[in-house]
Amino acid sequence: MSLHIYDTASRSMREFHPQVNGTASIYVCGATVQGIPHIGHVRSGLNFDVLRRWLARDGADVTLVRNVTDIDDKILTKASDHGRPWWEWAYTHERAFEEAYDALGCLPPSYAPRATGHVTQMVELMQRLIDKGHAYDVDGDVYFDVRSFPEYGALSGQKLDSVEQGEAAVRGKRDPRDFTLWKGAKPGEPSWPTPWGNGRPGWHLECSAMATTYLGGTFDIHGGGIDLIFPHHENEQAQSRAAGDGFANYWMHNYWVTFSGEKMSKSLGNTVSIPVMLEKVRAQELRYYLVAPHYRSHIEYSEEALQEAVTSYGRIESFLRRVAERVGPIELRGDMCPDFVVAMDNDLNTPQAVAALHNKVRQGNTALADGDHETAREAAECVRRMADILGVDPLSPKWNDQSSADLGMRQALTTLVDRLLVERQEARKTRDFARADALRKQLDEAGIAVEDTPDGPQWTLKDD
């Protein structure tokens, strides 16, 4: 089976065929850098990072562009409220987003263009639209003529008569549904020169200009949050295709992180910032929590669900470290389980993929309990390979922060504990339960928690 993805535009599952074999081109709407990133913000970056890793697994050349919106009404308002220059406010929070993406293990994008760096391309796009009769200027403002483009509403399924752009009363507009490409300069606001006067970009224009600058007039996949389908992505598609570009062949949208049933957003005051989250759990655990659900399902945030993810991730980590301590380094070279491959090719079905990963962990633990170290090693290599696709491989240099001295101590501890567990198992087989209980008590007093499972006894260090 090859990769099939749910295409928002056709509202159907479609087999993925890149424009050029052996490559993939992806544009993802990135952050509007108005404040500190929360887990709702970064979910999109993580989901498309997993897509990128999956497409690149067999050596495909993947180009991923994730833009930065660094000029926007909210940025100007917040900078003014805090008495800071708009550009300083934007760049401060751009760095915060970059740090969050890096902390959570996102591969760096191929390009991370800023809106303010592509005004020239925006001006060229507006001129093309005006020349084709799809845009017009009014006293320094430039608007897209929605009625000039019959396909408007195709992406979102909107009917033109029901469309509202939130700018109905603006002077000079031919139709209240026309959207702004360029905003004429206002006193005290930043502006750039254009043939229609000084001003600044409208929100939608920037993404069309940047996507086609780096990926060409037609590219493979456009991604972003589900809340962007209308009006942002609808308007992007309309202005790009009206100008003569094919634009995106596939549209993918991730769903929200919700809190008490509402989309997580700053305006609702229900955000959970990345810096705060990383004081609660490790970065790899937070990433696991956010990528394990299907990208087209809502995540209802709760402390309980987060801790369940931490526990689940711990089973993967514990298995890999135990194998490494017994048989030596585990290479990142194993074949992935067929069930994992089928799941990922089915619209990145990460819940099923994670289930396949944990099934392999259980098989590996059984092999360890039976003393079959070669089978355990093969299972561990497979687990590493699958976990790497999800970006959560515990033995990756990104997450593996154990020093060689720590690892040596752990290996010594493992040897001693394993010997006691073998002795305890022998005592239980001979029905010497007094001896078995005494050994368990000895381990407990040493800070070792033992759990008898169908895969054999498992042990962990107890919390202090």
Protein backbone atom coordinates (compact mmCIF):
# COMPACT_ATOMS: atom_id res chain seq x y z
CA MET A 1 0.00 0.00 0.00
CA SER A 2 1.28 3.49 -0.82
CA LEU A 3 0.54 6.62 1.19
CA HIS A 4 -3.08 7.74 1.11
CA ILE A 5 -4.02 11.07 2.68
CA TYR A 6 -7.31 12.78 3.39
CA ASP A 7 -7.52 15.71 0.98
CA THR A 8 -9.65 18.53 2.35
CA ALA A 9 -10.34 19.90 -1.12
CA SER A 10 -11.88 16.69 -2.49
CA ARG A 11 -13.17 15.57 0.93
CA SER A 12 -11.81 12.10 0.22
CA MET A 13 -8.85 9.82 0.71
CA ARG A 14 -6.42 10.14 -2.19
CA GLU A 15 -3.28 8.23 -3.04
CA PHE A 16 -0.29 10.54 -2.82
CA HIS A 17 1.54 11.07 -6.10
CA PRO A 18 4.25 13.74 -5.93
CA GLN A 19 4.83 15.99 -8.91
CA VAL A 20 8.35 14.64 -9.19
CA ASN A 21 9.15 11.06 -8.22
CA GLY A 22 11.48 10.79 -5.26
CA THR A 23 10.57 14.23 -3.93
CA ALA A 24 7.82 15.90 -1.93
CA SER A 25 7.07 19.61 -1.50
CA ILE A 26 5.11 20.80 1.55
CA TYR A 27 4.02 24.25 2.67
CA VAL A 28 2.78 24.56 6.26
CA CYS A 29 1.23 27.69 7.70
CA GLY A 30 3.43 28.54 10.65
CA ALA A 31 3.10 30.87 13.58
CA THR A 32 1.77 34.38 13.85
CA VAL A 33 4.40 35.41 16.36
CA GLN A 34 2.29 37.45 18.76
CA GLY A 35 3.02 35.56 21.98
CA ILE A 36 4.53 32.52 23.73
CA PRO A 37 3.71 29.21 21.97
CA HIS A 38 1.30 26.76 23.57
CA ILE A 39 0.65 23.11 22.80
CA GLY A 40 -2.17 24.00 20.43
CA HIS A 41 0.25 26.06 18.34
CA VAL A 42 2.93 23.39 18.01
CA ARG A 43 0.64 20.47 17.21
CA SER A 44 0.62 21.40 13.52
CA GLY A 45 4.42 21.57 13.40
CA LEU A 46 4.67 18.15 15.03
CA ASN A 47 2.08 16.51 12.77
CA PHE A 48 3.76 17.71 9.61
CA ASP A 49 7.16 16.80 11.00
CA VAL A 50 5.89 13.20 11.24
CA LEU A 51 4.61 13.43 7.65
CA ARG A 52 8.00 14.70 6.53
CA ARG A 53 9.81 11.86 8.31
CA TRP A 54 7.46 9.29 6.78
CA LEU A 55 7.91 10.62 3.26
CA ALA A 56 11.70 10.76 3.69
CA ARG A 57 12.10 7.28 5.19
CA ASP A 58 13.21 5.70 1.91
CA GLY A 59 15.42 8.58 0.84
CA ALA A 60 12.89 10.95 -0.76
CA ASP A 61 14.02 14.56 -1.00
CA VAL A 62 11.41 16.42 1.05
CA THR A 63 11.22 20.22 0.99
CA LEU A 64 9.17 21.64 3.84
CA VAL A 65 8.45 25.36 4.07
CA ARG A 66 6.99 26.70 7.33
CA ASN A 67 6.39 30.44 7.23
CA VAL A 68 6.49 33.08 9.95
CA THR A 69 3.81 35.78 10.00
CA ASP A 70 5.71 38.68 11.53
CA ILE A 71 3.38 41.56 10.60
CA ASP A 72 -0.25 41.43 11.65
CA ASP A 73 -2.90 43.49 13.47
CA LYS A 74 -2.49 41.46 16.68
CA ILE A 75 1.30 41.83 16.65
CA LEU A 76 0.99 45.60 16.24
CA THR A 77 -1.61 45.84 19.00
CA LYS A 78 0.31 43.72 21.51
CA ALA A 79 3.61 45.46 20.81
CA SER A 80 1.92 48.82 21.30
CA ASP A 81 0.23 47.66 24.52
CA HIS A 82 3.63 46.67 25.90
CA GLY A 83 5.44 49.76 24.66
CA ARG A 84 7.79 47.81 22.42
CA PRO A 85 8.69 48.10 18.71
CA TRP A 86 6.57 45.76 16.59
CA TRP A 87 9.62 44.15 14.96
CA GLU A 88 11.25 43.47 18.33
CA TRP A 89 8.03 41.97 19.69
CA ALA A 90 7.67 39.74 16.62
CA TYR A 91 11.26 38.54 16.62
CA THR A 92 11.23 37.81 20.36
CA HIS A 93 8.29 35.46 19.90
CA GLU A 94 9.63 34.03 16.65
CA ARG A 95 12.63 32.83 18.67
CA ALA A 96 10.27 31.37 21.29
CA PHE A 97 8.52 29.34 18.60
CA GLU A 98 11.82 28.16 17.13
CA GLU A 99 12.96 27.06 20.59
CA ALA A 100 9.67 25.18 21.12
CA TYR A 101 9.89 23.37 17.78
CA ASP A 102 13.50 22.44 18.48
CA ALA A 103 12.79 21.34 22.04
CA LEU A 104 10.07 18.98 20.78
CA GLY A 105 12.33 17.44 18.15
CA CYS A 106 10.97 18.99 14.94
CA LEU A 107 13.45 18.74 12.11
CA PRO A 108 14.40 22.25 10.92
CA PRO A 109 12.25 23.36 7.97
CA SER A 110 13.96 23.60 4.61
CA TYR A 111 12.97 27.28 4.63
CA ALA A 112 11.32 29.45 7.27
CA PRO A 113 10.45 32.65 5.37
CA ARG A 114 9.09 35.77 7.06
CA ALA A 115 6.21 37.73 5.58
CA THR A 116 8.12 41.02 5.81
CA GLY A 117 10.91 39.55 3.70
CA HIS A 118 8.65 38.88 0.70
CA VAL A 119 6.88 42.15 -0.02
CA THR A 120 8.39 42.26 -3.52
CA GLN A 121 6.84 38.89 -4.38
CA MET A 122 3.49 40.06 -2.93
CA VAL A 123 3.53 43.18 -5.10
CA GLU A 124 4.23 41.06 -8.18
CA LEU A 125 1.34 38.73 -7.32
CA MET A 126 -1.05 41.64 -6.82
CA GLN A 127 -0.04 43.11 -10.17
CA ARG A 128 -0.76 39.80 -11.88
CA LEU A 129 -4.20 39.70 -10.28
CA ILE A 130 -5.00 43.27 -11.26
CA ASP A 131 -3.85 42.64 -14.81
CA LYS A 132 -6.16 39.62 -15.04
CA GLY A 133 -9.14 41.50 -13.63
CA HIS A 134 -9.25 39.65 -10.30
CA ALA A 135 -8.14 42.53 -8.05
CA TYR A 136 -8.56 46.28 -7.81
CA ASP A 137 -7.18 49.17 -5.76
CA VAL A 138 -9.09 51.82 -3.82
CA ASP A 139 -7.09 54.71 -2.37
CA GLY A 140 -4.09 52.56 -1.47
CA ASP A 141 -6.03 49.43 -0.47
CA VAL A 142 -6.03 46.43 -2.81
CA TYR A 143 -8.87 43.89 -2.80
CA PHE A 144 -9.50 40.52 -4.41
CA ASP A 145 -12.72 40.46 -6.43
CA VAL A 146 -14.39 37.30 -5.18
CA ARG A 147 -17.09 37.30 -7.86
CA SER A 148 -14.42 37.25 -10.58
CA PHE A 149 -13.36 33.75 -9.55
CA PRO A 150 -16.18 31.19 -10.00
CA GLU A 151 -14.32 28.49 -8.04
CA TYR A 152 -14.37 30.54 -4.84
CA GLY A 153 -15.58 28.35 -1.95
CA ALA A 154 -14.45 25.05 -3.51
CA LEU A 155 -11.91 24.26 -0.78
CA SER A 156 -14.08 25.00 2.24
CA GLY A 157 -17.45 24.14 0.73
CA GLN A 158 -18.70 27.66 1.41
CA LYS A 159 -21.50 29.12 -0.68
CA LEU A 160 -20.65 32.61 -1.87
CA ASP A 161 -23.95 34.06 -0.64
CA SER A 162 -23.09 32.97 2.92
CA VAL A 163 -19.51 34.27 2.92
CA GLU A 164 -18.49 37.08 5.26
CA GLN A 165 -14.95 38.47 5.32
CA GLY A 166 -15.44 40.77 8.31
CA GLU A 167 -14.76 43.91 6.25
CA ALA A 168 -18.19 44.72 4.85
CA ALA A 169 -18.21 48.44 5.68
CA VAL A 170 -14.79 49.29 4.24
CA ARG A 171 -14.91 52.21 1.84
CA GLY A 172 -14.65 51.55 -1.88
CA LYS A 173 -15.16 47.80 -1.86
CA ARG A 174 -17.16 46.54 -4.81
CA ASP A 175 -18.58 43.68 -2.78
CA PRO A 176 -18.57 43.19 1.00
CA ARG A 177 -17.17 39.68 0.47
CA ASP A 178 -14.02 40.88 -1.33
CA PHE A 179 -10.96 40.31 0.84
CA THR A 180 -7.97 42.53 1.43
CA LEU A 181 -4.69 41.87 -0.34
CA TRP A 182 -2.97 45.08 0.75
CA LYS A 183 -3.78 47.59 3.49
CA GLY A 184 -3.07 51.25 2.83
CA ALA A 185 -0.73 52.91 5.33
CA LYS A 186 -2.13 54.24 8.60
CA PRO A 187 -0.36 56.76 10.83
CA GLY A 188 2.16 55.13 13.15
CA GLU A 189 2.04 51.72 11.44
CA PRO A 190 4.89 50.12 9.47
CA SER A 191 4.53 50.32 5.71
CA TRP A 192 6.24 49.42 2.45
CA PRO A 193 6.10 51.20 -0.91
CA THR A 194 3.98 49.78 -3.75
CA PRO A 195 2.58 51.14 -7.05
CA TRP A 196 -0.70 51.75 -5.17
CA GLY A 197 0.86 53.60 -2.26
CA ASN A 198 2.55 52.69 1.00
CA GLY A 199 0.99 49.99 3.14
CA ARG A 200 1.34 46.50 4.53
CA PRO A 201 0.25 43.00 3.54
CA GLY A 202 -3.13 41.46 4.12
CA TRP A 203 -2.94 38.14 5.93
CA HIS A 204 -3.69 35.78 3.02
CA LEU A 205 -1.43 37.32 0.40
CA GLU A 206 1.81 36.43 2.17
CA CYS A 207 1.36 32.65 2.09
CA SER A 208 0.61 32.52 -1.63
CA ALA A 209 3.71 34.60 -2.34
CA MET A 210 6.01 32.58 -0.08
CA ALA A 211 4.70 29.13 -1.06
CA THR A 212 5.20 29.74 -4.77
CA THR A 213 8.56 31.49 -4.24
CA TYR A 214 10.09 28.41 -2.63
CA LEU A 215 8.04 25.55 -4.09
CA GLY A 216 6.96 26.84 -7.50
CA GLY A 217 3.55 27.68 -8.92
CA THR A 218 2.30 24.15 -8.25
CA PHE A 219 3.45 21.98 -5.36
CA ASP A 220 2.39 18.83 -3.56
CA ILE A 221 0.89 19.50 -0.13
CA HIS A 222 -0.40 22.53 1.75
CA GLY A 223 -0.96 21.99 5.48
CA GLY A 224 -2.20 23.81 8.54
CA GLY A 225 -4.77 23.83 11.29
CA ILE A 226 -8.41 23.11 10.57
CA ASP A 227 -9.34 26.62 11.69
CA LEU A 228 -7.44 27.99 8.67
CA ILE A 229 -9.59 26.32 6.01
CA PHE A 230 -11.81 29.39 5.85
CA PRO A 231 -11.09 32.12 5.16
CA HIS A 232 -7.29 31.84 5.07
CA HIS A 233 -6.72 28.79 2.88
CA GLU A 234 -9.79 29.46 0.75
CA ASN A 235 -8.43 32.91 -0.01
CA GLU A 236 -4.93 31.61 -0.65
CA GLN A 237 -6.23 29.13 -3.20
CA ALA A 238 -8.47 31.69 -4.88
CA GLN A 239 -5.81 34.37 -5.33
CA SER A 240 -3.15 31.88 -6.42
CA ARG A 241 -5.27 30.07 -9.00
CA ALA A 242 -6.80 33.30 -10.25
CA ALA A 243 -3.25 34.51 -10.91
CA GLY A 244 -2.58 31.38 -12.97
CA ASP A 245 -0.81 29.10 -10.48
CA GLY A 246 -1.92 25.52 -9.85
CA PHE A 247 -0.97 25.92 -6.17
CA ALA A 248 -1.47 22.92 -3.84
CA ASN A 249 -2.38 19.48 -5.21
CA TYR A 250 -3.38 18.20 -1.75
CA TRP A 251 -4.68 19.98 1.35
CA MET A 252 -4.11 18.49 4.82
CA HIS A 253 -5.49 19.94 8.04
CA ASN A 254 -4.76 18.98 11.62
CA TYR A 255 -7.40 19.37 14.32
CA TRP A 256 -7.26 21.38 17.54
CA VAL A 257 -6.02 20.80 21.02
CA THR A 258 -9.07 21.58 23.16
CA PHE A 259 -9.50 22.46 26.80
CA SER A 260 -12.94 21.87 28.31
CA GLY A 261 -14.31 21.42 24.82
CA GLU A 262 -13.00 24.70 23.41
CA LYS A 263 -10.15 25.31 20.98
CA MET A 264 -7.00 26.20 22.89
CA SER A 265 -6.34 29.88 22.16
CA LYS A 266 -4.90 32.92 23.85
CA SER A 267 -8.16 34.85 23.50
CA LEU A 268 -9.96 32.25 25.61
CA GLY A 269 -7.26 32.33 28.28
CA ASN A 270 -6.96 28.53 28.31
CA THR A 271 -3.48 28.07 26.93
CA VAL A 272 -0.82 25.71 28.20
CA SER A 273 2.52 27.18 27.18
CA ILE A 274 5.44 25.05 26.07
CA PRO A 275 7.82 26.39 28.76
CA VAL A 276 5.27 25.50 31.46
CA MET A 277 4.61 22.07 29.97
CA LEU A 278 8.32 21.28 29.89
CA GLU A 279 8.46 21.86 33.62
CA LYS A 280 5.88 19.08 34.03
CA VAL A 281 7.19 16.45 31.61
CA ARG A 282 10.18 15.81 29.40
CA ALA A 283 10.07 17.13 25.85
CA GLN A 284 9.98 13.65 24.31
CA GLU A 285 7.02 12.74 26.52
CA LEU A 286 5.12 15.85 25.48
CA ARG A 287 5.86 15.10 21.83
CA TYR A 288 4.57 11.55 22.27
CA TYR A 289 1.39 12.92 23.85
CA LEU A 290 0.79 15.22 20.87
CA VAL A 291 1.69 12.87 17.98
CA ALA A 292 0.12 9.62 19.23
CA PRO A 293 -3.48 10.73 18.46
CA HIS A 294 -4.55 10.94 14.82
CA TYR A 295 -3.81 14.35 13.37
CA ARG A 296 -7.48 14.64 12.29
CA SER A 297 -8.79 14.10 15.82
CA HIS A 298 -9.15 16.66 18.57
CA ILE A 299 -6.94 16.28 21.63
CA GLU A 300 -8.87 17.12 24.79
CA TYR A 301 -6.09 18.21 27.12
CA SER A 302 -6.05 16.90 30.67
CA GLU A 303 -3.35 16.18 33.22
CA GLU A 304 -4.58 12.58 33.42
CA ALA A 305 -4.22 12.02 29.68
CA LEU A 306 -0.76 13.60 29.73
CA GLN A 307 0.39 11.28 32.52
CA GLU A 308 -1.03 8.26 30.69
CA ALA A 309 1.12 9.24 27.70
CA VAL A 310 4.16 9.59 29.97
CA THR A 311 3.58 6.08 31.30
CA SER A 312 3.05 4.67 27.82
CA TYR A 313 6.24 6.27 26.54
CA GLY A 314 8.09 4.93 29.57
CA ARG A 315 7.34 1.36 28.48
CA ILE A 316 9.10 1.99 25.17
CA GLU A 317 12.04 3.66 26.83
CA SER A 318 12.40 1.01 29.52
CA PHE A 319 12.39 -1.82 26.97
CA LEU A 320 15.04 -0.24 24.74
CA ARG A 321 17.34 0.57 27.65
CA ARG A 322 16.99 -2.90 29.12
CA VAL A 323 17.92 -4.48 25.79
CA ALA A 324 20.86 -2.10 25.37
CA GLU A 325 22.09 -2.96 28.85
CA ARG A 326 22.00 -6.69 28.10
CA VAL A 327 23.19 -6.96 24.50
CA GLY A 328 24.94 -3.65 23.77
CA PRO A 329 24.10 -0.76 21.42
CA ILE A 330 20.86 -1.01 19.44
CA GLU A 331 21.30 0.17 15.88
CA LEU A 332 18.72 2.32 14.08
CA ARG A 333 18.39 -0.09 11.20
CA GLY A 334 15.53 -2.47 11.85
CA ASP A 335 12.65 -3.10 9.49
CA MET A 336 9.35 -1.60 10.55
CA CYS A 337 6.44 -3.89 11.42
CA PRO A 338 4.02 -4.37 8.50
CA ASP A 339 1.17 -3.18 10.73
CA PHE A 340 3.05 0.06 11.41
CA VAL A 341 3.63 0.66 7.69
CA VAL A 342 -0.01 -0.02 6.83
CA ALA A 343 -1.14 2.36 9.58
CA MET A 344 1.15 5.20 8.49
CA ASP A 345 0.21 4.78 4.84
CA ASN A 346 -3.43 5.07 5.88
CA ASP A 347 -3.49 8.86 6.33
CA LEU A 348 -0.80 8.78 9.04
CA ASN A 349 -2.90 6.69 11.40
CA THR A 350 -0.61 7.19 14.37
CA PRO A 351 -2.90 5.51 16.95
CA GLN A 352 -2.63 2.23 15.03
CA ALA A 353 1.06 2.83 14.39
CA VAL A 354 1.69 3.34 18.12
CA ALA A 355 -0.28 0.16 18.86
CA ALA A 356 1.98 -1.77 16.46
CA LEU A 357 5.03 -0.28 18.17
CA HIS A 358 3.85 -1.36 21.62
CA ASN A 359 3.02 -4.83 20.35
CA LYS A 360 6.63 -5.17 19.25
CA VAL A 361 7.75 -3.93 22.68
CA ARG A 362 5.71 -6.71 24.31
CA GLN A 363 7.25 -9.29 21.99
CA GLY A 364 10.71 -8.00 22.84
CA ASN A 365 10.02 -8.15 26.58
CA THR A 366 8.89 -11.76 26.21
CA ALA A 367 12.14 -12.56 24.39
CA LEU A 368 14.13 -10.92 27.18
CA ALA A 369 12.28 -12.91 29.83
CA ASP A 370 13.05 -16.10 27.88
CA GLY A 371 16.72 -15.17 27.57
CA ASP A 372 16.44 -14.90 23.78
CA HIS A 373 18.68 -11.89 23.40
CA GLU A 374 18.94 -12.03 19.61
CA THR A 375 15.18 -11.85 19.16
CA ALA A 376 15.08 -9.07 21.74
CA ARG A 377 17.73 -7.15 19.80
CA GLU A 378 15.78 -7.51 16.54
CA ALA A 379 12.63 -6.30 18.28
CA ALA A 380 14.50 -3.33 19.74
CA GLU A 381 15.90 -2.34 16.34
CA CYS A 382 12.39 -2.46 14.92
CA VAL A 383 11.05 -0.38 17.82
CA ARG A 384 13.76 2.23 17.36
CA ARG A 385 12.99 2.50 13.66
CA MET A 386 9.28 3.05 14.27
CA ALA A 387 9.83 5.43 17.17
CA ASP A 388 12.22 7.45 15.01
CA ILE A 389 9.48 8.03 12.42
CA LEU A 390 7.35 9.50 15.20
CA GLY A 391 10.32 11.50 16.46
CA VAL A 392 10.31 9.84 19.89
CA ASP A 393 13.18 7.32 19.70
CA PRO A 394 14.43 7.19 23.32
CA LEU A 395 17.94 6.24 22.19
CA SER A 396 18.21 9.15 19.75
CA PRO A 397 21.00 11.61 20.62
CA LYS A 398 18.24 14.21 20.88
CA TRP A 399 16.68 12.47 23.87
CA ASN A 400 19.41 10.14 25.14
CA ASP A 401 21.00 12.28 27.83
CA GLN A 402 22.57 9.49 29.88
CA SER A 403 26.31 9.82 30.34
CA SER A 404 28.56 6.82 29.81
CA ALA A 405 29.16 6.67 33.55
CA ASP A 406 25.41 6.60 34.22
CA LEU A 407 24.98 3.88 31.62
CA GLY A 408 27.76 1.82 33.17
CA MET A 409 26.16 2.07 36.61
CA ARG A 410 22.82 1.11 35.13
CA GLN A 411 24.35 -1.91 33.39
CA ALA A 412 25.91 -3.06 36.64
CA LEU A 413 22.61 -2.60 38.45
CA THR A 414 20.79 -4.52 35.73
CA THR A 415 23.17 -7.46 36.04
CA LEU A 416 22.65 -7.67 39.80
CA VAL A 417 18.86 -7.26 39.67
CA ASP A 418 18.52 -9.80 36.85
CA ARG A 419 20.42 -12.38 38.89
CA LEU A 420 18.08 -11.86 41.84
CA LEU A 421 15.02 -12.07 39.58
CA VAL A 422 16.27 -15.32 38.04
CA GLU A 423 16.80 -16.70 41.55
CA ARG A 424 13.29 -15.54 42.51
CA GLN A 425 11.79 -17.19 39.42
CA GLU A 426 13.54 -20.45 40.27
CA ALA A 427 12.21 -20.24 43.83
CA ARG A 428 8.68 -19.76 42.54
CA LYS A 429 9.02 -22.71 40.15
CA THR A 430 10.03 -24.95 43.06
CA ARG A 431 7.19 -23.46 45.16
CA ASP A 432 9.66 -21.97 47.64
CA PHE A 433 7.43 -18.94 48.10
CA ALA A 434 9.10 -17.86 51.32
CA ARG A 435 12.42 -17.46 49.45
CA ALA A 436 10.67 -15.72 46.50
CA ASP A 437 8.97 -13.25 48.85
CA ALA A 438 12.23 -12.59 50.68
CA LEU A 439 13.99 -11.76 47.40
CA ARG A 440 11.19 -9.42 46.36
CA LYS A 441 11.38 -7.69 49.74
CA GLN A 442 15.15 -7.37 49.36
CA LEU A 443 14.68 -5.67 46.00
CA ASP A 444 11.94 -3.44 47.38
CA GLU A 445 14.16 -2.26 50.23
CA ALA A 446 16.86 -1.45 47.66
CA GLY A 447 14.43 0.82 45.77
CA ILE A 448 13.55 -1.67 43.01
CA ALA A 449 9.87 -2.08 42.11
CA VAL A 450 9.02 -5.48 40.60
CA GLU A 451 5.88 -6.17 38.58
CA ASP A 452 4.93 -9.68 37.52
CA THR A 453 3.48 -9.51 34.00
CA PRO A 454 2.48 -12.06 31.35
CA ASP A 455 5.82 -11.21 29.70
CA GLY A 456 7.75 -12.06 32.85
CA PRO A 457 8.91 -9.90 35.78
CA GLN A 458 9.59 -6.24 34.95
CA TRP A 459 11.51 -3.92 37.25
CA THR A 460 11.96 -0.19 37.59
CA LEU A 461 13.64 2.17 40.01
CA LYS A 462 11.10 3.55 42.46
CA ASP A 463 10.61 7.31 42.66
CA ASP A 464 12.43 9.01 45.52
